[in-house]
Amino acid sequence: DGTVHETRDRKRGDRAITHYTVVGRSEKRLTLLRVKLETGRKHQIRVHLASRGWPICGDALYHPRHAECPRLMLAATTLELTHPTTQTPLKFEIPIPDVLRGFFGTSQ
């Protein structure tokens, strides 16, 4: 399990924390991660992983040389939130898209 905190200057920028766990590895030397956000900043996952030297496959903005992927290999599969009026916890889940499972050869 890992945590990434990214900023060049601690006095500037907004707090952004990303947790990750390795789920699997492909024969193409690519790694499938499960990522959980504590915060929700624009491009947070993409920026944090690219800054560690682990850009997301197919990410034309943060890793334009990585063209072997059919698309940006990033998908939200779980969304958890608290209803703003009732304060009821809500959780929505979908399976990993087929293109990601096929690319990484995993059923997870």
PDB file of N, CA and C in Angstrom:
ATOM      1  N   ASP A   1       0.856  -1.179   0.000  1.00  0.00           N
ATOM      2  CA  ASP A   1       0.000   0.000   0.000  1.00  0.00           C
ATOM      3  C   ASP A   1       0.893   1.229   0.000  1.00  0.00           C
ATOM      4  N   GLY A   2       0.534   2.215  -0.791  1.00  0.00           N
ATOM      5  CA  GLY A   2       1.338   3.423  -0.859  1.00  0.00           C
ATOM      6  C   GLY A   2       0.472   4.659  -0.778  1.00  0.00           C
ATOM      7  N   THR A   3       1.088   5.748  -0.420  1.00  0.00           N
ATOM      8  CA  THR A   3       0.425   7.042  -0.341  1.00  0.00           C
ATOM      9  C   THR A   3       1.313   8.052  -1.043  1.00  0.00           C
ATOM     10  N   VAL A   4       0.711   8.949  -1.808  1.00  0.00           N
ATOM     11  CA  VAL A   4       1.466   9.971  -2.515  1.00  0.00           C
ATOM     12  C   VAL A   4       0.976  11.333  -2.074  1.00  0.00           C
ATOM     13  N   HIS A   5       1.902  12.187  -1.705  1.00  0.00           N
ATOM     14  CA  HIS A   5       1.620  13.590  -1.411  1.00  0.00           C
ATOM     15  C   HIS A   5       2.506  14.384  -2.360  1.00  0.00           C
ATOM     16  N   GLU A   6       1.929  15.182  -3.235  1.00  0.00           N
ATOM     17  CA  GLU A   6       2.730  15.847  -4.256  1.00  0.00           C
ATOM     18  C   GLU A   6       2.609  17.361  -4.150  1.00  0.00           C
ATOM     19  N   THR A   7       3.715  18.018  -3.930  1.00  0.00           N
ATOM     20  CA  THR A   7       3.810  19.464  -4.036  1.00  0.00           C
ATOM     21  C   THR A   7       5.278  19.828  -4.071  1.00  0.00           C
ATOM     22  N   ARG A   8       5.593  20.840  -4.794  1.00  0.00           N
ATOM     23  CA  ARG A   8       6.970  21.314  -4.845  1.00  0.00           C
ATOM     24  C   ARG A   8       7.218  22.326  -3.727  1.00  0.00           C
ATOM     25  N   ASP A   9       6.183  23.040  -3.347  1.00  0.00           N
ATOM     26  CA  ASP A   9       6.294  24.082  -2.332  1.00  0.00           C
ATOM     27  C   ASP A   9       5.143  23.906  -1.350  1.00  0.00           C
ATOM     28  N   ARG A  10       5.441  23.507  -0.145  1.00  0.00           N
ATOM     29  CA  ARG A  10       4.401  23.217   0.859  1.00  0.00           C
ATOM     30  C   ARG A  10       3.535  24.431   1.188  1.00  0.00           C
ATOM     31  N   LYS A  11       4.007  25.638   0.908  1.00  0.00           N
ATOM     32  CA  LYS A  11       3.234  26.846   1.203  1.00  0.00           C
ATOM     33  C   LYS A  11       2.217  27.160   0.111  1.00  0.00           C
ATOM     34  N   ARG A  12       2.349  26.477  -1.018  1.00  0.00           N
ATOM     35  CA  ARG A  12       1.448  26.705  -2.143  1.00  0.00           C
ATOM     36  C   ARG A  12       0.739  25.407  -2.495  1.00  0.00           C
ATOM     37  N   GLY A  13      -0.332  25.543  -3.225  1.00  0.00           N
ATOM     38  CA  GLY A  13      -1.049  24.351  -3.678  1.00  0.00           C
ATOM     39  C   GLY A  13      -2.065  23.869  -2.660  1.00  0.00           C
ATOM     40  N   ASP A  14      -2.945  22.998  -3.114  1.00  0.00           N
ATOM     41  CA  ASP A  14      -3.978  22.421  -2.263  1.00  0.00           C
ATOM     42  C   ASP A  14      -3.579  21.019  -1.853  1.00  0.00           C
ATOM     43  N   ARG A  15      -4.061  20.610  -0.708  1.00  0.00           N
ATOM     44  CA  ARG A  15      -3.802  19.270  -0.195  1.00  0.00           C
ATOM     45  C   ARG A  15      -4.406  18.248  -1.150  1.00  0.00           C
ATOM     46  N   ALA A  16      -3.628  17.239  -1.512  1.00  0.00           N
ATOM     47  CA  ALA A  16      -4.101  16.170  -2.396  1.00  0.00           C
ATOM     48  C   ALA A  16      -3.414  14.877  -1.972  1.00  0.00           C
ATOM     49  N   ILE A  17      -4.204  13.896  -1.538  1.00  0.00           N
ATOM     50  CA  ILE A  17      -3.641  12.639  -1.056  1.00  0.00           C
ATOM     51  C   ILE A  17      -4.256  11.482  -1.831  1.00  0.00           C
ATOM     52  N   THR A  18      -3.374  10.620  -2.351  1.00  0.00           N
ATOM     53  CA  THR A  18      -3.767   9.459  -3.145  1.00  0.00           C
ATOM     54  C   THR A  18      -3.172   8.208  -2.508  1.00  0.00           C
ATOM     55  N   HIS A  19      -4.003   7.189  -2.278  1.00  0.00           N
ATOM     56  CA  HIS A  19      -3.545   5.895  -1.772  1.00  0.00           C
ATOM     57  C   HIS A  19      -3.637   4.898  -2.918  1.00  0.00           C
ATOM     58  N   TYR A  20      -2.715   3.953  -2.968  1.00  0.00           N
ATOM     59  CA  TYR A  20      -2.755   2.965  -4.043  1.00  0.00           C
ATOM     60  C   TYR A  20      -2.295   1.605  -3.538  1.00  0.00           C
ATOM     61  N   THR A  21      -2.785   0.558  -4.201  1.00  0.00           N
ATOM     62  CA  THR A  21      -2.403  -0.823  -3.932  1.00  0.00           C
ATOM     63  C   THR A  21      -2.203  -1.513  -5.277  1.00  0.00           C
ATOM     64  N   VAL A  22      -1.161  -2.309  -5.405  1.00  0.00           N
ATOM     65  CA  VAL A  22      -0.927  -3.073  -6.624  1.00  0.00           C
ATOM     66  C   VAL A  22      -1.909  -4.243  -6.665  1.00  0.00           C
ATOM     67  N   VAL A  23      -2.637  -4.365  -7.784  1.00  0.00           N
ATOM     68  CA  VAL A  23      -3.608  -5.439  -7.967  1.00  0.00           C
ATOM     69  C   VAL A  23      -3.033  -6.536  -8.859  1.00  0.00           C
ATOM     70  N   GLY A  24      -2.273  -6.148  -9.874  1.00  0.00           N
ATOM     71  CA  GLY A  24      -1.698  -7.137 -10.776  1.00  0.00           C
ATOM     72  C   GLY A  24      -0.706  -6.506 -11.738  1.00  0.00           C
ATOM     73  N   ARG A  25      -0.023  -7.367 -12.474  1.00  0.00           N
ATOM     74  CA  ARG A  25       0.953  -6.908 -13.459  1.00  0.00           C
ATOM     75  C   ARG A  25       0.704  -7.645 -14.762  1.00  0.00           C
ATOM     76  N   SER A  26       0.923  -6.946 -15.874  1.00  0.00           N
ATOM     77  CA  SER A  26       0.721  -7.562 -17.182  1.00  0.00           C
ATOM     78  C   SER A  26       2.057  -8.043 -17.740  1.00  0.00           C
ATOM     79  N   GLU A  27       1.984  -8.835 -18.803  1.00  0.00           N
ATOM     80  CA  GLU A  27       3.198  -9.297 -19.477  1.00  0.00           C
ATOM     81  C   GLU A  27       3.928  -8.138 -20.146  1.00  0.00           C
ATOM     82  N   LYS A  28       3.247  -7.014 -20.328  1.00  0.00           N
ATOM     83  CA  LYS A  28       3.826  -5.842 -20.988  1.00  0.00           C
ATOM     84  C   LYS A  28       4.533  -4.914 -19.996  1.00  0.00           C
ATOM     85  N   ARG A  29       4.811  -5.427 -18.796  1.00  0.00           N
ATOM     86  CA  ARG A  29       5.461  -4.656 -17.735  1.00  0.00           C
ATOM     87  C   ARG A  29       4.612  -3.469 -17.268  1.00  0.00           C
ATOM     88  N   LEU A  30       3.302  -3.631 -17.315  1.00  0.00           N
ATOM     89  CA  LEU A  30       2.380  -2.615 -16.829  1.00  0.00           C
ATOM     90  C   LEU A  30       1.779  -3.111 -15.523  1.00  0.00           C
ATOM     91  N   THR A  31       1.398  -2.187 -14.661  1.00  0.00           N
ATOM     92  CA  THR A  31       0.873  -2.532 -13.351  1.00  0.00           C
ATOM     93  C   THR A  31      -0.546  -2.017 -13.194  1.00  0.00           C
ATOM     94  N   LEU A  32      -1.429  -2.876 -12.713  1.00  0.00           N
ATOM     95  CA  LEU A  32      -2.805  -2.500 -12.431  1.00  0.00           C
ATOM     96  C   LEU A  32      -2.877  -2.102 -10.963  1.00  0.00           C
ATOM     97  N   LEU A  33      -3.379  -0.889 -10.709  1.00  0.00           N
ATOM     98  CA  LEU A  33      -3.467  -0.368  -9.349  1.00  0.00           C
ATOM     99  C   LEU A  33      -4.912  -0.170  -8.941  1.00  0.00           C
ATOM    100  N   ARG A  34      -5.179  -0.308  -7.668  1.00  0.00           N
ATOM    101  CA  ARG A  34      -6.439   0.137  -7.072  1.00  0.00           C
ATOM    102  C   ARG A  34      -6.078   1.441  -6.371  1.00  0.00           C
ATOM    103  N   VAL A  35      -6.756   2.503  -6.716  1.00  0.00           N
ATOM    104  CA  VAL A  35      -6.432   3.830  -6.200  1.00  0.00           C
ATOM    105  C   VAL A  35      -7.606   4.360  -5.405  1.00  0.00           C
ATOM    106  N   LYS A  36      -7.312   4.942  -4.252  1.00  0.00           N
ATOM    107  CA  LYS A  36      -8.342   5.555  -3.414  1.00  0.00           C
ATOM    108  C   LYS A  36      -7.911   6.983  -3.117  1.00  0.00           C
ATOM    109  N   LEU A  37      -8.831   7.905  -3.332  1.00  0.00           N
ATOM    110  CA  LEU A  37      -8.538   9.317  -3.106  1.00  0.00           C
ATOM    111  C   LEU A  37      -9.053   9.770  -1.752  1.00  0.00           C
ATOM    112  N   GLU A  38      -8.229  10.535  -1.036  1.00  0.00           N
ATOM    113  CA  GLU A  38      -8.694  11.228   0.164  1.00  0.00           C
ATOM    114  C   GLU A  38      -9.215  12.598  -0.205  1.00  0.00           C
ATOM    115  N   THR A  39      -8.708  13.117  -1.303  1.00  0.00           N
ATOM    116  CA  THR A  39      -9.102  14.427  -1.792  1.00  0.00           C
ATOM    117  C   THR A  39      -9.481  14.271  -3.255  1.00  0.00           C
ATOM    118  N   GLY A  40     -10.041  15.272  -3.843  1.00  0.00           N
ATOM    119  CA  GLY A  40     -10.451  15.171  -5.246  1.00  0.00           C
ATOM    120  C   GLY A  40     -10.002  16.375  -6.048  1.00  0.00           C
ATOM    121  N   ARG A  41      -8.763  16.391  -6.430  1.00  0.00           N
ATOM    122  CA  ARG A  41      -8.211  17.490  -7.228  1.00  0.00           C
ATOM    123  C   ARG A  41      -8.216  17.101  -8.705  1.00  0.00           C
ATOM    124  N   LYS A  42      -8.265  18.106  -9.552  1.00  0.00           N
ATOM    125  CA  LYS A  42      -8.261  17.873 -10.997  1.00  0.00           C
ATOM    126  C   LYS A  42      -6.995  17.117 -11.394  1.00  0.00           C
ATOM    127  N   HIS A  43      -7.173  16.028 -12.100  1.00  0.00           N
ATOM    128  CA  HIS A  43      -6.086  15.183 -12.598  1.00  0.00           C
ATOM    129  C   HIS A  43      -5.227  14.599 -11.479  1.00  0.00           C
ATOM    130  N   GLN A  44      -5.744  14.519 -10.285  1.00  0.00           N
ATOM    131  CA  GLN A  44      -4.956  14.099  -9.118  1.00  0.00           C
ATOM    132  C   GLN A  44      -4.254  12.764  -9.332  1.00  0.00           C
ATOM    133  N   ILE A  45      -4.986  11.757  -9.753  1.00  0.00           N
ATOM    134  CA  ILE A  45      -4.380  10.435  -9.940  1.00  0.00           C
ATOM    135  C   ILE A  45      -3.313  10.504 -11.021  1.00  0.00           C
ATOM    136  N   ARG A  46      -3.632  11.143 -12.116  1.00  0.00           N
ATOM    137  CA  ARG A  46      -2.701  11.241 -13.235  1.00  0.00           C
ATOM    138  C   ARG A  46      -1.427  11.978 -12.845  1.00  0.00           C
ATOM    139  N   VAL A  47      -1.566  13.083 -12.142  1.00  0.00           N
ATOM    140  CA  VAL A  47      -0.404  13.879 -11.727  1.00  0.00           C
ATOM    141  C   VAL A  47       0.442  13.110 -10.724  1.00  0.00           C
ATOM    142  N   HIS A  48      -0.191  12.529  -9.709  1.00  0.00           N
ATOM    143  CA  HIS A  48       0.569  11.820  -8.676  1.00  0.00           C
ATOM    144  C   HIS A  48       1.336  10.632  -9.248  1.00  0.00           C
ATOM    145  N   LEU A  49       0.689   9.824 -10.071  1.00  0.00           N
ATOM    146  CA  LEU A  49       1.377   8.661 -10.616  1.00  0.00           C
ATOM    147  C   LEU A  49       2.487   9.066 -11.584  1.00  0.00           C
ATOM    148  N   ALA A  50       2.234  10.043 -12.436  1.00  0.00           N
ATOM    149  CA  ALA A  50       3.269  10.495 -13.375  1.00  0.00           C
ATOM    150  C   ALA A  50       4.460  11.087 -12.630  1.00  0.00           C
ATOM    151  N   SER A  51       4.206  11.802 -11.528  1.00  0.00           N
ATOM    152  CA  SER A  51       5.305  12.418 -10.774  1.00  0.00           C
ATOM    153  C   SER A  51       6.189  11.372 -10.101  1.00  0.00           C
ATOM    154  N   ARG A  52       5.659  10.174  -9.869  1.00  0.00           N
ATOM    155  CA  ARG A  52       6.433   9.085  -9.282  1.00  0.00           C
ATOM    156  C   ARG A  52       7.141   8.248 -10.352  1.00  0.00           C
ATOM    157  N   GLY A  53       6.924   8.606 -11.611  1.00  0.00           N
ATOM    158  CA  GLY A  53       7.518   7.834 -12.701  1.00  0.00           C
ATOM    159  C   GLY A  53       6.645   6.678 -13.143  1.00  0.00           C
ATOM    160  N   TRP A  54       5.361   6.689 -12.752  1.00  0.00           N
ATOM    161  CA  TRP A  54       4.419   5.634 -13.105  1.00  0.00           C
ATOM    162  C   TRP A  54       3.228   6.225 -13.851  1.00  0.00           C
ATOM    163  N   PRO A  55       3.435   6.800 -15.040  1.00  0.00           N
ATOM    164  CA  PRO A  55       2.308   7.419 -15.746  1.00  0.00           C
ATOM    165  C   PRO A  55       1.262   6.389 -16.144  1.00  0.00           C
ATOM    166  N   ILE A  56       0.044   6.840 -16.280  1.00  0.00           N
ATOM    167  CA  ILE A  56      -1.046   5.957 -16.683  1.00  0.00           C
ATOM    168  C   ILE A  56      -0.933   5.684 -18.174  1.00  0.00           C
ATOM    169  N   CYS A  57      -1.022   4.424 -18.521  1.00  0.00           N
ATOM    170  CA  CYS A  57      -0.931   4.011 -19.917  1.00  0.00           C
ATOM    171  C   CYS A  57      -2.039   4.706 -20.724  1.00  0.00           C
ATOM    172  N   GLY A  58      -1.653   5.248 -21.865  1.00  0.00           N
ATOM    173  CA  GLY A  58      -2.614   5.924 -22.721  1.00  0.00           C
ATOM    174  C   GLY A  58      -2.872   7.367 -22.353  1.00  0.00           C
ATOM    175  N   ASP A  59      -2.134   7.916 -21.394  1.00  0.00           N
ATOM    176  CA  ASP A  59      -2.333   9.291 -20.950  1.00  0.00           C
ATOM    177  C   ASP A  59      -1.537  10.241 -21.847  1.00  0.00           C
ATOM    178  N   ALA A  60      -2.215  10.807 -22.832  1.00  0.00           N
ATOM    179  CA  ALA A  60      -1.552  11.688 -23.803  1.00  0.00           C
ATOM    180  C   ALA A  60      -1.064  12.986 -23.168  1.00  0.00           C
ATOM    181  N   LEU A  61      -1.651  13.406 -22.069  1.00  0.00           N
ATOM    182  CA  LEU A  61      -1.246  14.660 -21.432  1.00  0.00           C
ATOM    183  C   LEU A  61      -0.001  14.496 -20.567  1.00  0.00           C
ATOM    184  N   TYR A  62       0.035  13.475 -19.729  1.00  0.00           N
ATOM    185  CA  TYR A  62       1.133  13.307 -18.785  1.00  0.00           C
ATOM    186  C   TYR A  62       2.177  12.281 -19.228  1.00  0.00           C
ATOM    187  N   HIS A  63       1.896  11.551 -20.303  1.00  0.00           N
ATOM    188  CA  HIS A  63       2.859  10.578 -20.819  1.00  0.00           C
ATOM    189  C   HIS A  63       2.590  10.341 -22.301  1.00  0.00           C
ATOM    190  N   PRO A  64       2.820  11.348 -23.139  1.00  0.00           N
ATOM    191  CA  PRO A  64       2.441  11.245 -24.550  1.00  0.00           C
ATOM    192  C   PRO A  64       3.165  10.168 -25.342  1.00  0.00           C
ATOM    193  N   ARG A  65       4.296   9.656 -24.862  1.00  0.00           N
ATOM    194  CA  ARG A  65       5.033   8.625 -25.605  1.00  0.00           C
ATOM    195  C   ARG A  65       4.436   7.237 -25.438  1.00  0.00           C
ATOM    196  N   HIS A  66       3.550   7.046 -24.496  1.00  0.00           N
ATOM    197  CA  HIS A  66       2.991   5.733 -24.189  1.00  0.00           C
ATOM    198  C   HIS A  66       1.776   5.472 -25.068  1.00  0.00           C
ATOM    199  N   ALA A  67       1.991   5.076 -26.313  1.00  0.00           N
ATOM    200  CA  ALA A  67       0.899   4.935 -27.274  1.00  0.00           C
ATOM    201  C   ALA A  67       0.384   3.504 -27.420  1.00  0.00           C
ATOM    202  N   GLU A  68       0.925   2.551 -26.667  1.00  0.00           N
ATOM    203  CA  GLU A  68       0.520   1.158 -26.861  1.00  0.00           C
ATOM    204  C   GLU A  68      -0.841   0.821 -26.265  1.00  0.00           C
ATOM    205  N   CYS A  69      -1.452   1.729 -25.554  1.00  0.00           N
ATOM    206  CA  CYS A  69      -2.744   1.468 -24.924  1.00  0.00           C
ATOM    207  C   CYS A  69      -3.880   1.970 -25.814  1.00  0.00           C
ATOM    208  N   PRO A  70      -5.003   1.250 -25.835  1.00  0.00           N
ATOM    209  CA  PRO A  70      -6.114   1.637 -26.694  1.00  0.00           C
ATOM    210  C   PRO A  70      -6.858   2.886 -26.238  1.00  0.00           C
ATOM    211  N   ARG A  71      -6.651   3.300 -24.983  1.00  0.00           N
ATOM    212  CA  ARG A  71      -7.329   4.470 -24.414  1.00  0.00           C
ATOM    213  C   ARG A  71      -6.630   4.838 -23.113  1.00  0.00           C
ATOM    214  N   LEU A  72      -7.061   5.894 -22.465  1.00  0.00           N
ATOM    215  CA  LEU A  72      -6.560   6.214 -21.133  1.00  0.00           C
ATOM    216  C   LEU A  72      -7.009   5.084 -20.214  1.00  0.00           C
ATOM    217  N   MET A  73      -6.079   4.372 -19.637  1.00  0.00           N
ATOM    218  CA  MET A  73      -6.393   3.180 -18.852  1.00  0.00           C
ATOM    219  C   MET A  73      -6.679   3.556 -17.398  1.00  0.00           C
ATOM    220  N   LEU A  74      -7.730   4.341 -17.233  1.00  0.00           N
ATOM    221  CA  LEU A  74      -8.166   4.834 -15.932  1.00  0.00           C
ATOM    222  C   LEU A  74      -9.680   4.742 -15.900  1.00  0.00           C
ATOM    223  N   ALA A  75     -10.219   4.155 -14.849  1.00  0.00           N
ATOM    224  CA  ALA A  75     -11.671   4.018 -14.741  1.00  0.00           C
ATOM    225  C   ALA A  75     -12.084   4.080 -13.280  1.00  0.00           C
ATOM    226  N   ALA A  76     -13.141   4.813 -13.005  1.00  0.00           N
ATOM    227  CA  ALA A  76     -13.722   4.837 -11.662  1.00  0.00           C
ATOM    228  C   ALA A  76     -14.714   3.686 -11.567  1.00  0.00           C
ATOM    229  N   THR A  77     -14.501   2.805 -10.599  1.00  0.00           N
ATOM    230  CA  THR A  77     -15.406   1.666 -10.453  1.00  0.00           C
ATOM    231  C   THR A  77     -16.232   1.741  -9.175  1.00  0.00           C
ATOM    232  N   THR A  78     -15.836   2.599  -8.245  1.00  0.00           N
ATOM    233  CA  THR A  78     -16.576   2.758  -6.996  1.00  0.00           C
ATOM    234  C   THR A  78     -16.684   4.233  -6.654  1.00  0.00           C
ATOM    235  N   LEU A  79     -17.870   4.649  -6.278  1.00  0.00           N
ATOM    236  CA  LEU A  79     -18.102   6.011  -5.819  1.00  0.00           C
ATOM    237  C   LEU A  79     -18.840   5.925  -4.494  1.00  0.00           C
ATOM    238  N   GLU A  80     -18.260   6.515  -3.467  1.00  0.00           N
ATOM    239  CA  GLU A  80     -18.905   6.547  -2.156  1.00  0.00           C
ATOM    240  C   GLU A  80     -19.069   7.999  -1.733  1.00  0.00           C
ATOM    241  N   LEU A  81     -20.255   8.321  -1.230  1.00  0.00           N
ATOM    242  CA  LEU A  81     -20.509   9.677  -0.766  1.00  0.00           C
ATOM    243  C   LEU A  81     -21.627   9.667   0.261  1.00  0.00           C
ATOM    244  N   THR A  82     -21.786  10.772   0.937  1.00  0.00           N
ATOM    245  CA  THR A  82     -22.867  10.941   1.892  1.00  0.00           C
ATOM    246  C   THR A  82     -23.906  11.853   1.264  1.00  0.00           C
ATOM    247  N   HIS A  83     -25.164  11.422   1.264  1.00  0.00           N
ATOM    248  CA  HIS A  83     -26.232  12.229   0.685  1.00  0.00           C
ATOM    249  C   HIS A  83     -26.277  13.573   1.410  1.00  0.00           C
ATOM    250  N   PRO A  84     -26.290  14.678   0.682  1.00  0.00           N
ATOM    251  CA  PRO A  84     -26.190  15.989   1.330  1.00  0.00           C
ATOM    252  C   PRO A  84     -27.383  16.373   2.205  1.00  0.00           C
ATOM    253  N   THR A  85     -28.550  15.807   1.950  1.00  0.00           N
ATOM    254  CA  THR A  85     -29.732  16.152   2.742  1.00  0.00           C
ATOM    255  C   THR A  85     -29.988  15.155   3.861  1.00  0.00           C
ATOM    256  N   THR A  86     -29.979  13.854   3.518  1.00  0.00           N
ATOM    257  CA  THR A  86     -30.334  12.825   4.497  1.00  0.00           C
ATOM    258  C   THR A  86     -29.134  12.313   5.288  1.00  0.00           C
ATOM    259  N   GLN A  87     -27.931  12.637   4.823  1.00  0.00           N
ATOM    260  CA  GLN A  87     -26.688  12.154   5.433  1.00  0.00           C
ATOM    261  C   GLN A  87     -26.538  10.637   5.353  1.00  0.00           C
ATOM    262  N   THR A  88     -27.314  10.008   4.480  1.00  0.00           N
ATOM    263  CA  THR A  88     -27.235   8.566   4.262  1.00  0.00           C
ATOM    264  C   THR A  88     -25.990   8.242   3.443  1.00  0.00           C
ATOM    265  N   PRO A  89     -25.175   7.267   3.890  1.00  0.00           N
ATOM    266  CA  PRO A  89     -24.027   6.866   3.067  1.00  0.00           C
ATOM    267  C   PRO A  89     -24.507   6.148   1.809  1.00  0.00           C
ATOM    268  N   LEU A  90     -23.940   6.496   0.677  1.00  0.00           N
ATOM    269  CA  LEU A  90     -24.301   5.888  -0.593  1.00  0.00           C
ATOM    270  C   LEU A  90     -23.046   5.299  -1.228  1.00  0.00           C
ATOM    271  N   LYS A  91     -23.210   4.154  -1.892  1.00  0.00           N
ATOM    272  CA  LYS A  91     -22.083   3.515  -2.570  1.00  0.00           C
ATOM    273  C   LYS A  91     -22.573   2.954  -3.894  1.00  0.00           C
ATOM    274  N   PHE A  92     -21.850   3.298  -4.959  1.00  0.00           N
ATOM    275  CA  PHE A  92     -22.165   2.833  -6.300  1.00  0.00           C
ATOM    276  C   PHE A  92     -20.940   2.115  -6.843  1.00  0.00           C
ATOM    277  N   GLU A  93     -21.157   0.941  -7.459  1.00  0.00           N
ATOM    278  CA  GLU A  93     -20.032   0.167  -8.003  1.00  0.00           C
ATOM    279  C   GLU A  93     -20.383  -0.380  -9.381  1.00  0.00           C
ATOM    280  N   ILE A  94     -19.354  -0.427 -10.229  1.00  0.00           N
ATOM    281  CA  ILE A  94     -19.454  -1.087 -11.525  1.00  0.00           C
ATOM    282  C   ILE A  94     -18.227  -1.983 -11.671  1.00  0.00           C
ATOM    283  N   PRO A  95     -18.286  -2.996 -12.532  1.00  0.00           N
ATOM    284  CA  PRO A  95     -17.096  -3.829 -12.747  1.00  0.00           C
ATOM    285  C   PRO A  95     -16.024  -3.058 -13.524  1.00  0.00           C
ATOM    286  N   ILE A  96     -14.795  -3.534 -13.427  1.00  0.00           N
ATOM    287  CA  ILE A  96     -13.710  -2.965 -14.225  1.00  0.00           C
ATOM    288  C   ILE A  96     -14.089  -3.119 -15.690  1.00  0.00           C
ATOM    289  N   PRO A  97     -13.963  -2.069 -16.492  1.00  0.00           N
ATOM    290  CA  PRO A  97     -14.306  -2.174 -17.915  1.00  0.00           C
ATOM    291  C   PRO A  97     -13.536  -3.295 -18.605  1.00  0.00           C
ATOM    292  N   ASP A  98     -14.196  -3.938 -19.555  1.00  0.00           N
ATOM    293  CA  ASP A  98     -13.598  -5.068 -20.276  1.00  0.00           C
ATOM    294  C   ASP A  98     -12.251  -4.726 -20.889  1.00  0.00           C
ATOM    295  N   VAL A  99     -12.100  -3.512 -21.416  1.00  0.00           N
ATOM    296  CA  VAL A  99     -10.841  -3.140 -22.066  1.00  0.00           C
ATOM    297  C   VAL A  99      -9.681  -3.172 -21.066  1.00  0.00           C
ATOM    298  N   LEU A 100      -9.925  -2.785 -19.818  1.00  0.00           N
ATOM    299  CA  LEU A 100      -8.867  -2.842 -18.809  1.00  0.00           C
ATOM    300  C   LEU A 100      -8.594  -4.275 -18.384  1.00  0.00           C
ATOM    301  N   ARG A 101      -9.636  -5.047 -18.126  1.00  0.00           N
ATOM    302  CA  ARG A 101      -9.443  -6.442 -17.732  1.00  0.00           C
ATOM    303  C   ARG A 101      -8.721  -7.225 -18.802  1.00  0.00           C
ATOM    304  N   GLY A 102      -9.100  -7.014 -20.051  1.00  0.00           N
ATOM    305  CA  GLY A 102      -8.445  -7.715 -21.152  1.00  0.00           C
ATOM    306  C   GLY A 102      -6.998  -7.310 -21.316  1.00  0.00           C
ATOM    307  N   PHE A 103      -6.718  -6.051 -21.139  1.00  0.00           N
ATOM    308  CA  PHE A 103      -5.381  -5.543 -21.315  1.00  0.00           C
ATOM    309  C   PHE A 103      -4.440  -6.056 -20.228  1.00  0.00           C
ATOM    310  N   PHE A 104      -4.959  -6.169 -19.003  1.00  0.00           N
ATOM    311  CA  PHE A 104      -4.148  -6.630 -17.882  1.00  0.00           C
ATOM    312  C   PHE A 104      -4.324  -8.110 -17.604  1.00  0.00           C
ATOM    313  N   GLY A 105      -5.245  -8.765 -18.296  1.00  0.00           N
ATOM    314  CA  GLY A 105      -5.453 -10.196 -18.129  1.00  0.00           C
ATOM    315  C   GLY A 105      -5.877 -10.545 -16.714  1.00  0.00           C
ATOM    316  N   THR A 106      -6.841  -9.758 -16.168  1.00  0.00           N
ATOM    317  CA  THR A 106      -7.301 -10.009 -14.805  1.00  0.00           C
ATOM    318  C   THR A 106      -8.811 -10.081 -14.757  1.00  0.00           C
ATOM    319  N   SER A 107      -9.336 -10.760 -13.771  1.00  0.00           N
ATOM    320  CA  SER A 107     -10.784 -10.826 -13.568  1.00  0.00           C
ATOM    321  C   SER A 107     -11.214  -9.860 -12.475  1.00  0.00           C
ATOM    322  N   GLN A 108     -10.260  -9.198 -11.833  1.00  0.00           N
ATOM    323  CA  GLN A 108     -10.584  -8.294 -10.713  1.00  0.00           C
ATOM    324  C   GLN A 108     -11.111  -6.968 -11.193  1.00  0.00           C
TER     325      GLN A 108
END
